[in-house]
PDB file of all heavy atoms in Angstrom:
ATOM      1  N   PHE A   1       0.805  -1.224   0.018  1.00  0.00           N
ATOM      2  CA  PHE A   1       0.000   0.026  -0.001  1.00  0.00           C
ATOM      3  C   PHE A   1       0.857   1.264  -0.003  1.00  0.00           C
ATOM      4  O   PHE A   1       0.501   2.194  -0.719  1.00  0.00           O
ATOM      5  CB  PHE A   1      -1.006  -0.028   1.101  1.00  0.00           C
ATOM      6  CG  PHE A   1      -2.158  -0.974   0.827  1.00  0.00           C
ATOM      7  CD1 PHE A   1      -2.190  -2.207   1.502  1.00  0.00           C
ATOM      8  CD2 PHE A   1      -3.144  -0.694  -0.107  1.00  0.00           C
ATOM      9  CE1 PHE A   1      -3.244  -3.103   1.226  1.00  0.00           C
ATOM     10  CE2 PHE A   1      -4.144  -1.566  -0.402  1.00  0.00           C
ATOM     11  CZ  PHE A   1      -4.221  -2.761   0.268  1.00  0.00           C
ATOM     12  N   PRO A   2       1.961   1.319   0.734  1.00  0.00           N
ATOM     13  CA  PRO A   2       2.828   2.522   0.610  1.00  0.00           C
ATOM     14  C   PRO A   2       3.327   2.682  -0.792  1.00  0.00           C
ATOM     15  O   PRO A   2       3.435   3.827  -1.299  1.00  0.00           O
ATOM     16  CB  PRO A   2       3.916   2.249   1.625  1.00  0.00           C
ATOM     17  CG  PRO A   2       3.339   1.361   2.649  1.00  0.00           C
ATOM     18  CD  PRO A   2       2.368   0.516   1.893  1.00  0.00           C
ATOM     19  N   PHE A   3       3.681   1.558  -1.499  1.00  0.00           N
ATOM     20  CA  PHE A   3       4.076   1.645  -2.864  1.00  0.00           C
ATOM     21  C   PHE A   3       3.007   2.167  -3.760  1.00  0.00           C
ATOM     22  O   PHE A   3       3.268   3.028  -4.601  1.00  0.00           O
ATOM     23  CB  PHE A   3       4.612   0.324  -3.379  1.00  0.00           C
ATOM     24  CG  PHE A   3       5.029   0.367  -4.803  1.00  0.00           C
ATOM     25  CD1 PHE A   3       6.240   1.047  -5.127  1.00  0.00           C
ATOM     26  CD2 PHE A   3       4.248  -0.130  -5.798  1.00  0.00           C
ATOM     27  CE1 PHE A   3       6.623   1.116  -6.492  1.00  0.00           C
ATOM     28  CE2 PHE A   3       4.617  -0.007  -7.135  1.00  0.00           C
ATOM     29  CZ  PHE A   3       5.839   0.571  -7.495  1.00  0.00           C
ATOM     30  N   LEU A   4       1.744   1.714  -3.585  1.00  0.00           N
ATOM     31  CA  LEU A   4       0.641   2.278  -4.357  1.00  0.00           C
ATOM     32  C   LEU A   4       0.486   3.794  -4.162  1.00  0.00           C
ATOM     33  O   LEU A   4       0.204   4.487  -5.119  1.00  0.00           O
ATOM     34  CB  LEU A   4      -0.650   1.578  -4.025  1.00  0.00           C
ATOM     35  CG  LEU A   4      -0.819   0.112  -4.444  1.00  0.00           C
ATOM     36  CD1 LEU A   4      -2.246  -0.379  -4.107  1.00  0.00           C
ATOM     37  CD2 LEU A   4      -0.509  -0.112  -5.946  1.00  0.00           C
ATOM     38  N   ARG A   5       0.605   4.233  -2.919  1.00  0.00           N
ATOM     39  CA  ARG A   5       0.468   5.666  -2.637  1.00  0.00           C
ATOM     40  C   ARG A   5       1.528   6.442  -3.394  1.00  0.00           C
ATOM     41  O   ARG A   5       1.258   7.516  -3.936  1.00  0.00           O
ATOM     42  CB  ARG A   5       0.548   5.928  -1.109  1.00  0.00           C
ATOM     43  CG  ARG A   5      -0.718   5.518  -0.392  1.00  0.00           C
ATOM     44  CD  ARG A   5      -0.637   5.834   1.093  1.00  0.00           C
ATOM     45  NE  ARG A   5      -1.523   5.041   1.820  1.00  0.00           N
ATOM     46  CZ  ARG A   5      -1.248   3.932   2.508  1.00  0.00           C
ATOM     47  NH1 ARG A   5       0.017   3.512   2.573  1.00  0.00           N
ATOM     48  NH2 ARG A   5      -2.167   3.208   3.121  1.00  0.00           N
ATOM     49  N   GLN A   6       2.765   5.960  -3.363  1.00  0.00           N
ATOM     50  CA  GLN A   6       3.863   6.593  -4.045  1.00  0.00           C
ATOM     51  C   GLN A   6       3.558   6.595  -5.564  1.00  0.00           C
ATOM     52  O   GLN A   6       3.855   7.609  -6.230  1.00  0.00           O
ATOM     53  CB  GLN A   6       5.160   5.823  -3.771  1.00  0.00           C
ATOM     54  CG  GLN A   6       6.371   6.430  -4.492  1.00  0.00           C
ATOM     55  CD  GLN A   6       7.614   5.675  -4.198  1.00  0.00           C
ATOM     56  OE1 GLN A   6       7.587   4.615  -3.576  1.00  0.00           O
ATOM     57  NE2 GLN A   6       8.703   6.167  -4.710  1.00  0.00           N
ATOM     58  N   LEU A   7       3.066   5.522  -6.051  1.00  0.00           N
ATOM     59  CA  LEU A   7       2.763   5.385  -7.505  1.00  0.00           C
ATOM     60  C   LEU A   7       1.726   6.499  -7.876  1.00  0.00           C
ATOM     61  O   LEU A   7       1.870   7.137  -8.917  1.00  0.00           O
ATOM     62  CB  LEU A   7       2.220   4.001  -7.762  1.00  0.00           C
ATOM     63  CG  LEU A   7       2.033   3.584  -9.178  1.00  0.00           C
ATOM     64  CD1 LEU A   7       3.308   3.633  -9.972  1.00  0.00           C
ATOM     65  CD2 LEU A   7       1.458   2.131  -9.225  1.00  0.00           C
ATOM     66  N   VAL A   8       0.729   6.667  -7.051  1.00  0.00           N
ATOM     67  CA  VAL A   8      -0.302   7.738  -7.248  1.00  0.00           C
ATOM     68  C   VAL A   8       0.313   9.128  -7.247  1.00  0.00           C
ATOM     69  O   VAL A   8       0.068   9.911  -8.175  1.00  0.00           O
ATOM     70  CB  VAL A   8      -1.475   7.592  -6.280  1.00  0.00           C
ATOM     71  CG1 VAL A   8      -2.352   8.825  -6.380  1.00  0.00           C
ATOM     72  CG2 VAL A   8      -2.281   6.314  -6.549  1.00  0.00           C
ATOM     73  N   ARG A   9       1.148   9.358  -6.302  1.00  0.00           N
ATOM     74  CA  ARG A   9       1.777  10.675  -6.187  1.00  0.00           C
ATOM     75  C   ARG A   9       2.605  10.995  -7.394  1.00  0.00           C
ATOM     76  O   ARG A   9       2.523  12.063  -8.044  1.00  0.00           O
ATOM     77  CB  ARG A   9       2.680  10.754  -4.904  1.00  0.00           C
ATOM     78  CG  ARG A   9       1.957  11.035  -3.667  1.00  0.00           C
ATOM     79  CD  ARG A   9       2.933  11.356  -2.580  1.00  0.00           C
ATOM     80  NE  ARG A   9       3.999  10.415  -2.340  1.00  0.00           N
ATOM     81  CZ  ARG A   9       3.892   9.318  -1.527  1.00  0.00           C
ATOM     82  NH1 ARG A   9       2.774   9.118  -0.834  1.00  0.00           N
ATOM     83  NH2 ARG A   9       4.896   8.451  -1.378  1.00  0.00           N
ATOM     84  N   GLU A  10       3.446  10.002  -7.878  1.00  0.00           N
ATOM     85  CA  GLU A  10       4.294  10.256  -9.023  1.00  0.00           C
ATOM     86  C   GLU A  10       3.588  10.140 -10.295  1.00  0.00           C
ATOM     87  O   GLU A  10       3.950  10.788 -11.284  1.00  0.00           O
ATOM     88  CB  GLU A  10       5.462   9.276  -8.918  1.00  0.00           C
ATOM     89  CG  GLU A  10       6.385   9.535  -7.746  1.00  0.00           C
ATOM     90  CD  GLU A  10       7.652   8.864  -7.765  1.00  0.00           C
ATOM     91  OE1 GLU A  10       8.121   8.413  -8.905  1.00  0.00           O
ATOM     92  OE2 GLU A  10       8.304   8.678  -6.712  1.00  0.00           O
ATOM     93  N   SER A  11       2.496   9.410 -10.381  1.00  0.00           N
ATOM     94  CA  SER A  11       1.768   9.230 -11.607  1.00  0.00           C
ATOM     95  C   SER A  11       1.091  10.487 -12.025  1.00  0.00           C
ATOM     96  O   SER A  11       0.948  10.781 -13.270  1.00  0.00           O
ATOM     97  CB  SER A  11       0.770   8.085 -11.511  1.00  0.00           C
ATOM     98  OG  SER A  11       1.383   6.853 -11.466  1.00  0.00           O
ATOM     99  N   GLY A  12       0.563  11.249 -11.062  1.00  0.00           N
ATOM    100  CA  GLY A  12      -0.109  12.506 -11.420  1.00  0.00           C
ATOM    101  C   GLY A  12       0.794  13.436 -12.243  1.00  0.00           C
ATOM    102  O   GLY A  12       0.402  13.948 -13.258  1.00  0.00           O
ATOM    103  N   THR A  13       2.003  13.606 -11.803  1.00  0.00           N
ATOM    104  CA  THR A  13       2.982  14.429 -12.503  1.00  0.00           C
ATOM    105  C   THR A  13       3.345  13.822 -13.828  1.00  0.00           C
ATOM    106  O   THR A  13       3.408  14.457 -14.886  1.00  0.00           O
ATOM    107  CB  THR A  13       4.249  14.643 -11.663  1.00  0.00           C
ATOM    108  OG1 THR A  13       3.861  15.140 -10.409  1.00  0.00           O
ATOM    109  CG2 THR A  13       5.227  15.539 -12.327  1.00  0.00           C
ATOM    110  N   LYS A  14       3.623  12.517 -13.883  1.00  0.00           N
ATOM    111  CA  LYS A  14       4.002  11.852 -15.099  1.00  0.00           C
ATOM    112  C   LYS A  14       2.923  11.829 -16.117  1.00  0.00           C
ATOM    113  O   LYS A  14       3.154  11.941 -17.307  1.00  0.00           O
ATOM    114  CB  LYS A  14       4.468  10.444 -14.758  1.00  0.00           C
ATOM    115  CG  LYS A  14       5.848  10.353 -14.111  1.00  0.00           C
ATOM    116  CD  LYS A  14       6.223   8.944 -13.795  1.00  0.00           C
ATOM    117  CE  LYS A  14       7.569   8.777 -13.179  1.00  0.00           C
ATOM    118  NZ  LYS A  14       8.046   9.848 -12.309  1.00  0.00           N
ATOM    119  N   GLN A  15       1.687  11.785 -15.636  1.00  0.00           N
ATOM    120  CA  GLN A  15       0.541  11.744 -16.585  1.00  0.00           C
ATOM    121  C   GLN A  15       0.436  13.055 -17.284  1.00  0.00           C
ATOM    122  O   GLN A  15       0.184  13.120 -18.474  1.00  0.00           O
ATOM    123  CB  GLN A  15      -0.774  11.402 -15.832  1.00  0.00           C
ATOM    124  CG  GLN A  15      -1.973  11.254 -16.807  1.00  0.00           C
ATOM    125  CD  GLN A  15      -1.715  10.032 -17.697  1.00  0.00           C
ATOM    126  OE1 GLN A  15      -1.352   8.959 -17.336  1.00  0.00           O
ATOM    127  NE2 GLN A  15      -1.971  10.310 -18.983  1.00  0.00           N
ATOM    128  N   ASP A  16       0.661  14.127 -16.563  1.00  0.00           N
ATOM    129  CA  ASP A  16       0.694  15.463 -17.250  1.00  0.00           C
ATOM    130  C   ASP A  16       1.707  15.542 -18.382  1.00  0.00           C
ATOM    131  O   ASP A  16       1.417  15.990 -19.477  1.00  0.00           O
ATOM    132  CB  ASP A  16       0.957  16.572 -16.247  1.00  0.00           C
ATOM    133  CG  ASP A  16      -0.185  16.796 -15.197  1.00  0.00           C
ATOM    134  OD1 ASP A  16      -1.305  16.355 -15.490  1.00  0.00           O
ATOM    135  OD2 ASP A  16       0.131  17.396 -14.131  1.00  0.00           O
ATOM    136  N   LEU A  17       2.865  15.018 -18.105  1.00  0.00           N
ATOM    137  CA  LEU A  17       3.969  15.014 -19.115  1.00  0.00           C
ATOM    138  C   LEU A  17       3.569  14.101 -20.251  1.00  0.00           C
ATOM    139  O   LEU A  17       3.731  14.442 -21.435  1.00  0.00           O
ATOM    140  CB  LEU A  17       5.291  14.571 -18.460  1.00  0.00           C
ATOM    141  CG  LEU A  17       6.466  14.412 -19.459  1.00  0.00           C
ATOM    142  CD1 LEU A  17       6.770  15.724 -20.147  1.00  0.00           C
ATOM    143  CD2 LEU A  17       7.639  13.906 -18.693  1.00  0.00           C
ATOM    144  N   THR A  18       3.048  12.851 -19.945  1.00  0.00           N
ATOM    145  CA  THR A  18       2.737  11.968 -20.978  1.00  0.00           C
ATOM    146  C   THR A  18       1.608  12.500 -21.845  1.00  0.00           C
ATOM    147  O   THR A  18       1.664  12.367 -23.067  1.00  0.00           O
ATOM    148  CB  THR A  18       2.236  10.592 -20.300  1.00  0.00           C
ATOM    149  OG1 THR A  18       3.284  10.131 -19.495  1.00  0.00           O
ATOM    150  CG2 THR A  18       1.895   9.600 -21.382  1.00  0.00           C
ATOM    151  N   ASP A  19       0.612  13.092 -21.282  1.00  0.00           N
ATOM    152  CA  ASP A  19      -0.507  13.714 -22.019  1.00  0.00           C
ATOM    153  C   ASP A  19       0.004  14.792 -22.940  1.00  0.00           C
ATOM    154  O   ASP A  19      -0.346  14.896 -24.078  1.00  0.00           O
ATOM    155  CB  ASP A  19      -1.546  14.306 -21.084  1.00  0.00           C
ATOM    156  CG  ASP A  19      -2.393  13.276 -20.356  1.00  0.00           C
ATOM    157  OD1 ASP A  19      -2.278  12.052 -20.774  1.00  0.00           O
ATOM    158  OD2 ASP A  19      -3.026  13.622 -19.396  1.00  0.00           O
ATOM    159  N   ALA A  20       0.965  15.616 -22.399  1.00  0.00           N
ATOM    160  CA  ALA A  20       1.488  16.740 -23.281  1.00  0.00           C
ATOM    161  C   ALA A  20       2.286  16.155 -24.446  1.00  0.00           C
ATOM    162  O   ALA A  20       2.152  16.625 -25.524  1.00  0.00           O
ATOM    163  CB  ALA A  20       2.388  17.593 -22.422  1.00  0.00           C
ATOM    164  N   LEU A  21       3.105  15.109 -24.198  1.00  0.00           N
ATOM    165  CA  LEU A  21       3.871  14.477 -25.252  1.00  0.00           C
ATOM    166  C   LEU A  21       2.967  13.854 -26.286  1.00  0.00           C
ATOM    167  O   LEU A  21       3.163  13.988 -27.549  1.00  0.00           O
ATOM    168  CB  LEU A  21       4.882  13.528 -24.718  1.00  0.00           C
ATOM    169  CG  LEU A  21       6.030  14.070 -23.869  1.00  0.00           C
ATOM    170  CD1 LEU A  21       6.840  12.966 -23.240  1.00  0.00           C
ATOM    171  CD2 LEU A  21       6.865  14.968 -24.726  1.00  0.00           C
ATOM    172  N   ALA A  22       1.963  13.085 -25.824  1.00  0.00           N
ATOM    173  CA  ALA A  22       1.087  12.419 -26.755  1.00  0.00           C
ATOM    174  C   ALA A  22       0.329  13.465 -27.577  1.00  0.00           C
ATOM    175  O   ALA A  22       0.072  13.269 -28.771  1.00  0.00           O
ATOM    176  CB  ALA A  22       0.075  11.528 -25.948  1.00  0.00           C
ATOM    177  N   GLY A  23      -0.081  14.536 -26.970  1.00  0.00           N
ATOM    178  CA  GLY A  23      -0.839  15.576 -27.623  1.00  0.00           C
ATOM    179  C   GLY A  23       0.024  16.288 -28.725  1.00  0.00           C
ATOM    180  O   GLY A  23      -0.534  16.685 -29.742  1.00  0.00           O
ATOM    181  N   ALA A  24       1.305  16.233 -28.527  1.00  0.00           N
ATOM    182  CA  ALA A  24       2.202  16.806 -29.465  1.00  0.00           C
ATOM    183  C   ALA A  24       2.643  15.836 -30.517  1.00  0.00           C
ATOM    184  O   ALA A  24       3.444  16.092 -31.418  1.00  0.00           O
ATOM    185  CB  ALA A  24       3.466  17.431 -28.780  1.00  0.00           C
ATOM    186  N   GLY A  25       2.157  14.582 -30.400  1.00  0.00           N
ATOM    187  CA  GLY A  25       2.488  13.546 -31.414  1.00  0.00           C
ATOM    188  C   GLY A  25       3.847  12.890 -31.167  1.00  0.00           C
ATOM    189  O   GLY A  25       4.435  12.261 -32.044  1.00  0.00           O
ATOM    190  N   VAL A  26       4.436  13.037 -29.915  1.00  0.00           N
ATOM    191  CA  VAL A  26       5.741  12.427 -29.671  1.00  0.00           C
ATOM    192  C   VAL A  26       5.511  11.009 -29.262  1.00  0.00           C
ATOM    193  O   VAL A  26       4.846  10.639 -28.265  1.00  0.00           O
ATOM    194  CB  VAL A  26       6.421  13.221 -28.499  1.00  0.00           C
ATOM    195  CG1 VAL A  26       7.756  12.596 -28.095  1.00  0.00           C
ATOM    196  CG2 VAL A  26       6.583  14.647 -28.882  1.00  0.00           C
ATOM    197  N   PRO A  27       6.135  10.032 -29.990  1.00  0.00           N
ATOM    198  CA  PRO A  27       6.004   8.602 -29.590  1.00  0.00           C
ATOM    199  C   PRO A  27       6.833   8.292 -28.411  1.00  0.00           C
ATOM    200  O   PRO A  27       7.860   8.924 -28.157  1.00  0.00           O
ATOM    201  CB  PRO A  27       6.523   7.893 -30.881  1.00  0.00           C
ATOM    202  CG  PRO A  27       7.491   8.862 -31.545  1.00  0.00           C
ATOM    203  CD  PRO A  27       6.923  10.219 -31.215  1.00  0.00           C
ATOM    204  N   LEU A  28       6.347   7.244 -27.684  1.00  0.00           N
ATOM    205  CA  LEU A  28       7.121   6.798 -26.518  1.00  0.00           C
ATOM    206  C   LEU A  28       8.389   6.052 -27.011  1.00  0.00           C
ATOM    207  O   LEU A  28       8.298   5.262 -27.952  1.00  0.00           O
ATOM    208  CB  LEU A  28       6.285   5.869 -25.659  1.00  0.00           C
ATOM    209  CG  LEU A  28       5.155   6.514 -24.900  1.00  0.00           C
ATOM    210  CD1 LEU A  28       4.356   5.455 -24.144  1.00  0.00           C
ATOM    211  CD2 LEU A  28       5.612   7.557 -23.903  1.00  0.00           C
ATOM    212  N   ALA A  29       9.482   6.217 -26.352  1.00  0.00           N
ATOM    213  CA  ALA A  29      10.700   5.578 -26.767  1.00  0.00           C
ATOM    214  C   ALA A  29      10.699   4.097 -26.325  1.00  0.00           C
ATOM    215  O   ALA A  29       9.942   3.756 -25.394  1.00  0.00           O
ATOM    216  CB  ALA A  29      11.874   6.300 -26.106  1.00  0.00           C
ATOM    217  N   ASP A  30      11.495   3.282 -27.006  1.00  0.00           N
ATOM    218  CA  ASP A  30      11.555   1.887 -26.623  1.00  0.00           C
ATOM    219  C   ASP A  30      11.980   1.725 -25.158  1.00  0.00           C
ATOM    220  O   ASP A  30      11.517   0.820 -24.487  1.00  0.00           O
ATOM    221  CB  ASP A  30      12.528   1.156 -27.532  1.00  0.00           C
ATOM    222  CG  ASP A  30      11.928   0.858 -28.932  1.00  0.00           C
ATOM    223  OD1 ASP A  30      10.684   0.873 -29.034  1.00  0.00           O
ATOM    224  OD2 ASP A  30      12.744   0.668 -29.862  1.00  0.00           O
ATOM    225  N   ALA A  31      12.917   2.558 -24.710  1.00  0.00           N
ATOM    226  CA  ALA A  31      13.371   2.476 -23.333  1.00  0.00           C
ATOM    227  C   ALA A  31      12.229   2.727 -22.371  1.00  0.00           C
ATOM    228  O   ALA A  31      12.167   2.066 -21.296  1.00  0.00           O
ATOM    229  CB  ALA A  31      14.514   3.485 -23.081  1.00  0.00           C
ATOM    230  N   THR A  32      11.316   3.624 -22.706  1.00  0.00           N
ATOM    231  CA  THR A  32      10.196   3.891 -21.865  1.00  0.00           C
ATOM    232  C   THR A  32       9.287   2.691 -21.777  1.00  0.00           C
ATOM    233  O   THR A  32       8.766   2.300 -20.751  1.00  0.00           O
ATOM    234  CB  THR A  32       9.406   5.070 -22.363  1.00  0.00           C
ATOM    235  OG1 THR A  32      10.269   6.265 -22.368  1.00  0.00           O
ATOM    236  CG2 THR A  32       8.188   5.418 -21.462  1.00  0.00           C
ATOM    237  N   ARG A  33       9.052   2.038 -22.924  1.00  0.00           N
ATOM    238  CA  ARG A  33       8.248   0.847 -22.987  1.00  0.00           C
ATOM    239  C   ARG A  33       8.832  -0.280 -22.159  1.00  0.00           C
ATOM    240  O   ARG A  33       8.183  -0.985 -21.441  1.00  0.00           O
ATOM    241  CB  ARG A  33       7.972   0.396 -24.449  1.00  0.00           C
ATOM    242  CG  ARG A  33       6.959   1.204 -25.193  1.00  0.00           C
ATOM    243  CD  ARG A  33       6.486   0.483 -26.464  1.00  0.00           C
ATOM    244  NE  ARG A  33       6.415   1.060 -27.703  1.00  0.00           N
ATOM    245  CZ  ARG A  33       7.037   2.110 -28.244  1.00  0.00           C
ATOM    246  NH1 ARG A  33       7.912   2.752 -27.549  1.00  0.00           N
ATOM    247  NH2 ARG A  33       6.790   2.567 -29.418  1.00  0.00           N
ATOM    248  N   GLN A  34      10.146  -0.449 -22.296  1.00  0.00           N
ATOM    249  CA  GLN A  34      10.876  -1.464 -21.543  1.00  0.00           C
ATOM    250  C   GLN A  34      10.805  -1.188 -20.051  1.00  0.00           C
ATOM    251  O   GLN A  34      10.644  -2.135 -19.258  1.00  0.00           O
ATOM    252  CB  GLN A  34      12.317  -1.623 -22.001  1.00  0.00           C
ATOM    253  CG  GLN A  34      12.465  -2.180 -23.451  1.00  0.00           C
ATOM    254  CD  GLN A  34      13.894  -2.048 -23.951  1.00  0.00           C
ATOM    255  OE1 GLN A  34      14.766  -1.657 -23.242  1.00  0.00           O
ATOM    256  NE2 GLN A  34      14.058  -2.559 -25.155  1.00  0.00           N
ATOM    257  N   ALA A  35      10.952   0.049 -19.700  1.00  0.00           N
ATOM    258  CA  ALA A  35      10.832   0.424 -18.248  1.00  0.00           C
ATOM    259  C   ALA A  35       9.451   0.072 -17.721  1.00  0.00           C
ATOM    260  O   ALA A  35       9.255  -0.416 -16.589  1.00  0.00           O
ATOM    261  CB  ALA A  35      11.184   1.863 -18.044  1.00  0.00           C
ATOM    262  N   ALA A  36       8.398   0.330 -18.549  1.00  0.00           N
ATOM    263  CA  ALA A  36       7.062  -0.002 -18.146  1.00  0.00           C
ATOM    264  C   ALA A  36       6.823  -1.495 -17.935  1.00  0.00           C
ATOM    265  O   ALA A  36       6.217  -1.977 -17.012  1.00  0.00           O
ATOM    266  CB  ALA A  36       6.052   0.549 -19.190  1.00  0.00           C
TER     267      ALA A  36
END
């Protein structure tokens, strides 16, 4: 549960960045997919 809370805290910020990149048509890098 502490890990889930951390995931939520960090995901909010990352989602903003991901949304902005996707909106600009920037594809996710292979490294990002592998990290996921």
